[in-house]
Amino acid sequence: MLSEIVVPDEGPLDAKIMIIAEAPGEQEEKALRPLVGPAGRILDGLLREAGIVREQCYITTVSQRRP
């Protein structure tokens, strides 16, 4: 059963980089933002190391509702 809460995509539609995660978790539901939990913190570090600005990426999930 999926949650009733929809976590929207984030970022510019014309971004050169698209990041796709599986589904939002509890922290993403609370923040209404994709990839802000533990996986998001890892992603942020990897993006920083690569010199990529998160806000310039389009971030989405395969399912926008938490399983």
PDB file of N, CA and C in Angstrom:
ATOM      1  N   MET A   1       0.837  -1.179   0.000  1.00  0.00           N
ATOM      2  CA  MET A   1       0.000   0.000   0.000  1.00  0.00           C
ATOM      3  C   MET A   1       0.885   1.246   0.000  1.00  0.00           C
ATOM      4  N   LEU A   2       0.577   2.196  -0.839  1.00  0.00           N
ATOM      5  CA  LEU A   2       1.364   3.424  -0.935  1.00  0.00           C
ATOM      6  C   LEU A   2       0.797   4.505  -0.029  1.00  0.00           C
ATOM      7  N   SER A   3       1.679   5.375   0.428  1.00  0.00           N
ATOM      8  CA  SER A   3       1.279   6.515   1.237  1.00  0.00           C
ATOM      9  C   SER A   3       0.392   7.451   0.413  1.00  0.00           C
ATOM     10  N   GLU A   4      -0.392   8.249   1.092  1.00  0.00           N
ATOM     11  CA  GLU A   4      -1.244   9.249   0.430  1.00  0.00           C
ATOM     12  C   GLU A   4      -0.439  10.485   0.028  1.00  0.00           C
ATOM     13  N   ILE A   5       0.712  10.682   0.666  1.00  0.00           N
ATOM     14  CA  ILE A   5       1.516  11.891   0.451  1.00  0.00           C
ATOM     15  C   ILE A   5       2.364  11.744  -0.801  1.00  0.00           C
ATOM     16  N   VAL A   6       2.301  12.744  -1.671  1.00  0.00           N
ATOM     17  CA  VAL A   6       3.084  12.753  -2.905  1.00  0.00           C
ATOM     18  C   VAL A   6       4.296  13.657  -2.708  1.00  0.00           C
ATOM     19  N   VAL A   7       5.482  13.127  -2.970  1.00  0.00           N
ATOM     20  CA  VAL A   7       6.714  13.911  -2.888  1.00  0.00           C
ATOM     21  C   VAL A   7       7.044  14.379  -4.310  1.00  0.00           C
ATOM     22  N   PRO A   8       6.982  15.693  -4.555  1.00  0.00           N
ATOM     23  CA  PRO A   8       7.190  16.195  -5.918  1.00  0.00           C
ATOM     24  C   PRO A   8       8.655  16.151  -6.357  1.00  0.00           C
ATOM     25  N   ASP A   9       8.844  16.198  -7.663  1.00  0.00           N
ATOM     26  CA  ASP A   9      10.189  16.302  -8.233  1.00  0.00           C
ATOM     27  C   ASP A   9      10.764  17.664  -7.874  1.00  0.00           C
ATOM     28  N   GLU A  10      12.068  17.812  -8.120  1.00  0.00           N
ATOM     29  CA  GLU A  10      12.733  19.054  -7.740  1.00  0.00           C
ATOM     30  C   GLU A  10      13.818  19.384  -8.756  1.00  0.00           C
ATOM     31  N   GLY A  11      13.967  20.655  -9.072  1.00  0.00           N
ATOM     32  CA  GLY A  11      15.044  21.091  -9.943  1.00  0.00           C
ATOM     33  C   GLY A  11      14.554  21.592 -11.281  1.00  0.00           C
ATOM     34  N   PRO A  12      15.461  22.189 -12.036  1.00  0.00           N
ATOM     35  CA  PRO A  12      15.089  22.756 -13.341  1.00  0.00           C
ATOM     36  C   PRO A  12      14.770  21.667 -14.368  1.00  0.00           C
ATOM     37  N   LEU A  13      13.724  21.884 -15.137  1.00  0.00           N
ATOM     38  CA  LEU A  13      13.321  20.910 -16.153  1.00  0.00           C
ATOM     39  C   LEU A  13      14.362  20.769 -17.262  1.00  0.00           C
ATOM     40  N   ASP A  14      15.187  21.776 -17.459  1.00  0.00           N
ATOM     41  CA  ASP A  14      16.210  21.713 -18.508  1.00  0.00           C
ATOM     42  C   ASP A  14      17.591  21.346 -17.953  1.00  0.00           C
ATOM     43  N   ALA A  15      17.609  20.721 -16.769  1.00  0.00           N
ATOM     44  CA  ALA A  15      18.882  20.338 -16.139  1.00  0.00           C
ATOM     45  C   ALA A  15      19.658  19.364 -17.031  1.00  0.00           C
ATOM     46  N   LYS A  16      20.976  19.453 -16.974  1.00  0.00           N
ATOM     47  CA  LYS A  16      21.824  18.540 -17.739  1.00  0.00           C
ATOM     48  C   LYS A  16      22.001  17.209 -17.013  1.00  0.00           C
ATOM     49  N   ILE A  17      21.702  17.183 -15.713  1.00  0.00           N
ATOM     50  CA  ILE A  17      21.837  15.971 -14.919  1.00  0.00           C
ATOM     51  C   ILE A  17      20.493  15.653 -14.281  1.00  0.00           C
ATOM     52  N   MET A  18      20.055  14.402 -14.443  1.00  0.00           N
ATOM     53  CA  MET A  18      18.825  13.930 -13.812  1.00  0.00           C
ATOM     54  C   MET A  18      19.187  12.799 -12.856  1.00  0.00           C
ATOM     55  N   ILE A  19      18.704  12.902 -11.629  1.00  0.00           N
ATOM     56  CA  ILE A  19      18.956  11.887 -10.612  1.00  0.00           C
ATOM     57  C   ILE A  19      17.627  11.221 -10.295  1.00  0.00           C
ATOM     58  N   ILE A  20      17.610   9.888 -10.375  1.00  0.00           N
ATOM     59  CA  ILE A  20      16.375   9.144 -10.157  1.00  0.00           C
ATOM     60  C   ILE A  20      16.579   8.161  -9.010  1.00  0.00           C
ATOM     61  N   ALA A  21      15.777   8.313  -7.970  1.00  0.00           N
ATOM     62  CA  ALA A  21      15.811   7.397  -6.829  1.00  0.00           C
ATOM     63  C   ALA A  21      14.616   6.454  -6.915  1.00  0.00           C
ATOM     64  N   GLU A  22      14.603   5.451  -6.057  1.00  0.00           N
ATOM     65  CA  GLU A  22      13.535   4.447  -6.107  1.00  0.00           C
ATOM     66  C   GLU A  22      12.200   4.993  -5.593  1.00  0.00           C
ATOM     67  N   ALA A  23      12.173   5.465  -4.355  1.00  0.00           N
ATOM     68  CA  ALA A  23      10.938   5.959  -3.747  1.00  0.00           C
ATOM     69  C   ALA A  23      11.298   6.829  -2.543  1.00  0.00           C
ATOM     70  N   PRO A  24      10.419   7.735  -2.169  1.00  0.00           N
ATOM     71  CA  PRO A  24      10.700   8.560  -0.988  1.00  0.00           C
ATOM     72  C   PRO A  24      10.592   7.744   0.294  1.00  0.00           C
ATOM     73  N   GLY A  25      11.317   8.185   1.301  1.00  0.00           N
ATOM     74  CA  GLY A  25      11.231   7.590   2.625  1.00  0.00           C
ATOM     75  C   GLY A  25      10.479   8.519   3.560  1.00  0.00           C
ATOM     76  N   GLU A  26      10.528   8.217   4.842  1.00  0.00           N
ATOM     77  CA  GLU A  26       9.799   9.009   5.832  1.00  0.00           C
ATOM     78  C   GLU A  26      10.280  10.460   5.867  1.00  0.00           C
ATOM     79  N   GLN A  27      11.597  10.666   5.801  1.00  0.00           N
ATOM     80  CA  GLN A  27      12.123  12.038   5.866  1.00  0.00           C
ATOM     81  C   GLN A  27      11.735  12.836   4.628  1.00  0.00           C
ATOM     82  N   GLU A  28      11.703  12.175   3.480  1.00  0.00           N
ATOM     83  CA  GLU A  28      11.306  12.853   2.242  1.00  0.00           C
ATOM     84  C   GLU A  28       9.833  13.241   2.301  1.00  0.00           C
ATOM     85  N   GLU A  29       9.019  12.379   2.879  1.00  0.00           N
ATOM     86  CA  GLU A  29       7.596  12.702   3.054  1.00  0.00           C
ATOM     87  C   GLU A  29       7.408  13.926   3.937  1.00  0.00           C
ATOM     88  N   LYS A  30       8.148  13.968   5.029  1.00  0.00           N
ATOM     89  CA  LYS A  30       8.025  15.098   5.968  1.00  0.00           C
ATOM     90  C   LYS A  30       8.477  16.405   5.318  1.00  0.00           C
ATOM     91  N   ALA A  31       9.559  16.347   4.556  1.00  0.00           N
ATOM     92  CA  ALA A  31      10.117  17.555   3.931  1.00  0.00           C
ATOM     93  C   ALA A  31       9.457  17.886   2.597  1.00  0.00           C
ATOM     94  N   LEU A  32       8.730  16.912   2.024  1.00  0.00           N
ATOM     95  CA  LEU A  32       8.148  17.050   0.684  1.00  0.00           C
ATOM     96  C   LEU A  32       9.217  17.390  -0.349  1.00  0.00           C
ATOM     97  N   ARG A  33      10.375  16.736  -0.197  1.00  0.00           N
ATOM     98  CA  ARG A  33      11.503  16.909  -1.113  1.00  0.00           C
ATOM     99  C   ARG A  33      12.157  15.552  -1.325  1.00  0.00           C
ATOM    100  N   PRO A  34      12.601  15.250  -2.541  1.00  0.00           N
ATOM    101  CA  PRO A  34      13.269  13.975  -2.786  1.00  0.00           C
ATOM    102  C   PRO A  34      14.706  13.975  -2.262  1.00  0.00           C
ATOM    103  N   LEU A  35      15.151  12.817  -1.818  1.00  0.00           N
ATOM    104  CA  LEU A  35      16.536  12.582  -1.406  1.00  0.00           C
ATOM    105  C   LEU A  35      17.065  13.581  -0.370  1.00  0.00           C
ATOM    106  N   VAL A  36      16.375  13.660   0.761  1.00  0.00           N
ATOM    107  CA  VAL A  36      16.859  14.499   1.862  1.00  0.00           C
ATOM    108  C   VAL A  36      17.235  13.678   3.089  1.00  0.00           C
ATOM    109  N   GLY A  37      16.971  12.378   3.058  1.00  0.00           N
ATOM    110  CA  GLY A  37      17.308  11.485   4.169  1.00  0.00           C
ATOM    111  C   GLY A  37      18.757  11.036   4.077  1.00  0.00           C
ATOM    112  N   PRO A  38      19.071   9.884   4.662  1.00  0.00           N
ATOM    113  CA  PRO A  38      20.450   9.385   4.652  1.00  0.00           C
ATOM    114  C   PRO A  38      21.043   9.244   3.243  1.00  0.00           C
ATOM    115  N   ALA A  39      20.276   8.700   2.307  1.00  0.00           N
ATOM    116  CA  ALA A  39      20.778   8.564   0.932  1.00  0.00           C
ATOM    117  C   ALA A  39      21.021   9.934   0.306  1.00  0.00           C
ATOM    118  N   GLY A  40      20.181  10.881   0.645  1.00  0.00           N
ATOM    119  CA  GLY A  40      20.355  12.240   0.132  1.00  0.00           C
ATOM    120  C   GLY A  40      21.614  12.904   0.658  1.00  0.00           C
ATOM    121  N   ARG A  41      21.945  12.628   1.917  1.00  0.00           N
ATOM    122  CA  ARG A  41      23.188  13.193   2.471  1.00  0.00           C
ATOM    123  C   ARG A  41      24.404  12.598   1.770  1.00  0.00           C
ATOM    124  N   ILE A  42      24.352  11.318   1.458  1.00  0.00           N
ATOM    125  CA  ILE A  42      25.443  10.696   0.700  1.00  0.00           C
ATOM    126  C   ILE A  42      25.521  11.314  -0.691  1.00  0.00           C
ATOM    127  N   LEU A  43      24.368  11.460  -1.331  1.00  0.00           N
ATOM    128  CA  LEU A  43      24.315  12.083  -2.657  1.00  0.00           C
ATOM    129  C   LEU A  43      24.907  13.484  -2.617  1.00  0.00           C
ATOM    130  N   ASP A  44      24.516  14.279  -1.630  1.00  0.00           N
ATOM    131  CA  ASP A  44      25.036  15.653  -1.519  1.00  0.00           C
ATOM    132  C   ASP A  44      26.560  15.664  -1.437  1.00  0.00           C
ATOM    133  N   GLY A  45      27.130  14.756  -0.659  1.00  0.00           N
ATOM    134  CA  GLY A  45      28.586  14.674  -0.542  1.00  0.00           C
ATOM    135  C   GLY A  45      29.245  14.295  -1.854  1.00  0.00           C
ATOM    136  N   LEU A  46      28.659  13.326  -2.552  1.00  0.00           N
ATOM    137  CA  LEU A  46      29.217  12.900  -3.842  1.00  0.00           C
ATOM    138  C   LEU A  46      29.114  14.013  -4.882  1.00  0.00           C
ATOM    139  N   LEU A  47      27.983  14.708  -4.888  1.00  0.00           N
ATOM    140  CA  LEU A  47      27.840  15.835  -5.824  1.00  0.00           C
ATOM    141  C   LEU A  47      28.867  16.920  -5.524  1.00  0.00           C
ATOM    142  N   ARG A  48      29.035  17.218  -4.235  1.00  0.00           N
ATOM    143  CA  ARG A  48      30.012  18.233  -3.836  1.00  0.00           C
ATOM    144  C   ARG A  48      31.413  17.853  -4.295  1.00  0.00           C
ATOM    145  N   GLU A  49      31.791  16.587  -4.067  1.00  0.00           N
ATOM    146  CA  GLU A  49      33.117  16.106  -4.489  1.00  0.00           C
ATOM    147  C   GLU A  49      33.312  16.226  -5.996  1.00  0.00           C
ATOM    148  N   ALA A  50      32.226  16.039  -6.747  1.00  0.00           N
ATOM    149  CA  ALA A  50      32.303  16.105  -8.208  1.00  0.00           C
ATOM    150  C   ALA A  50      32.162  17.541  -8.725  1.00  0.00           C
ATOM    151  N   GLY A  51      31.928  18.486  -7.813  1.00  0.00           N
ATOM    152  CA  GLY A  51      31.778  19.883  -8.229  1.00  0.00           C
ATOM    153  C   GLY A  51      30.433  20.164  -8.889  1.00  0.00           C
ATOM    154  N   ILE A  52      29.430  19.369  -8.555  1.00  0.00           N
ATOM    155  CA  ILE A  52      28.093  19.537  -9.132  1.00  0.00           C
ATOM    156  C   ILE A  52      27.185  20.181  -8.096  1.00  0.00           C
ATOM    157  N   VAL A  53      26.451  21.184  -8.500  1.00  0.00           N
ATOM    158  CA  VAL A  53      25.521  21.887  -7.621  1.00  0.00           C
ATOM    159  C   VAL A  53      24.177  21.163  -7.655  1.00  0.00           C
ATOM    160  N   ARG A  54      23.724  20.699  -6.513  1.00  0.00           N
ATOM    161  CA  ARG A  54      22.469  19.940  -6.430  1.00  0.00           C
ATOM    162  C   ARG A  54      21.300  20.702  -7.051  1.00  0.00           C
ATOM    163  N   GLU A  55      21.226  21.984  -6.813  1.00  0.00           N
ATOM    164  CA  GLU A  55      20.115  22.793  -7.301  1.00  0.00           C
ATOM    165  C   GLU A  55      20.071  22.873  -8.828  1.00  0.00           C
ATOM    166  N   GLN A  56      21.140  22.463  -9.495  1.00  0.00           N
ATOM    167  CA  GLN A  56      21.176  22.464 -10.956  1.00  0.00           C
ATOM    168  C   GLN A  56      20.786  21.103 -11.531  1.00  0.00           C
ATOM    169  N   CYS A  57      20.471  20.144 -10.659  1.00  0.00           N
ATOM    170  CA  CYS A  57      20.073  18.798 -11.079  1.00  0.00           C
ATOM    171  C   CYS A  57      18.559  18.643 -10.957  1.00  0.00           C
ATOM    172  N   TYR A  58      17.993  17.831 -11.816  1.00  0.00           N
ATOM    173  CA  TYR A  58      16.578  17.477 -11.696  1.00  0.00           C
ATOM    174  C   TYR A  58      16.526  16.175 -10.914  1.00  0.00           C
ATOM    175  N   ILE A  59      15.821  16.179  -9.785  1.00  0.00           N
ATOM    176  CA  ILE A  59      15.787  15.021  -8.904  1.00  0.00           C
ATOM    177  C   ILE A  59      14.354  14.494  -8.812  1.00  0.00           C
ATOM    178  N   THR A  60      14.211  13.203  -9.057  1.00  0.00           N
ATOM    179  CA  THR A  60      12.896  12.573  -9.035  1.00  0.00           C
ATOM    180  C   THR A  60      13.001  11.171  -8.457  1.00  0.00           C
ATOM    181  N   THR A  61      11.854  10.532  -8.298  1.00  0.00           N
ATOM    182  CA  THR A  61      11.813   9.145  -7.843  1.00  0.00           C
ATOM    183  C   THR A  61      10.901   8.355  -8.773  1.00  0.00           C
ATOM    184  N   VAL A  62      11.154   7.058  -8.876  1.00  0.00           N
ATOM    185  CA  VAL A  62      10.326   6.196  -9.720  1.00  0.00           C
ATOM    186  C   VAL A  62       8.884   6.224  -9.204  1.00  0.00           C
ATOM    187  N   SER A  63       8.728   6.094  -7.888  1.00  0.00           N
ATOM    188  CA  SER A  63       7.418   6.214  -7.248  1.00  0.00           C
ATOM    189  C   SER A  63       7.442   7.481  -6.404  1.00  0.00           C
ATOM    190  N   GLN A  64       6.467   8.324  -6.547  1.00  0.00           N
ATOM    191  CA  GLN A  64       6.457   9.562  -5.776  1.00  0.00           C
ATOM    192  C   GLN A  64       5.746   9.411  -4.432  1.00  0.00           C
ATOM    193  N   ARG A  65       5.348   8.180  -4.123  1.00  0.00           N
ATOM    194  CA  ARG A  65       4.711   7.892  -2.844  1.00  0.00           C
ATOM    195  C   ARG A  65       5.495   6.809  -2.119  1.00  0.00           C
ATOM    196  N   ARG A  66       5.581   6.950  -0.805  1.00  0.00           N
ATOM    197  CA  ARG A  66       6.330   5.985   0.006  1.00  0.00           C
ATOM    198  C   ARG A  66       5.579   4.669   0.106  1.00  0.00           C
ATOM    199  N   PRO A  67       6.280   3.571  -0.162  1.00  0.00           N
ATOM    200  CA  PRO A  67       5.619   2.257  -0.029  1.00  0.00           C
ATOM    201  C   PRO A  67       5.285   1.940   1.417  1.00  0.00           C
TER     202      PRO A  67
END
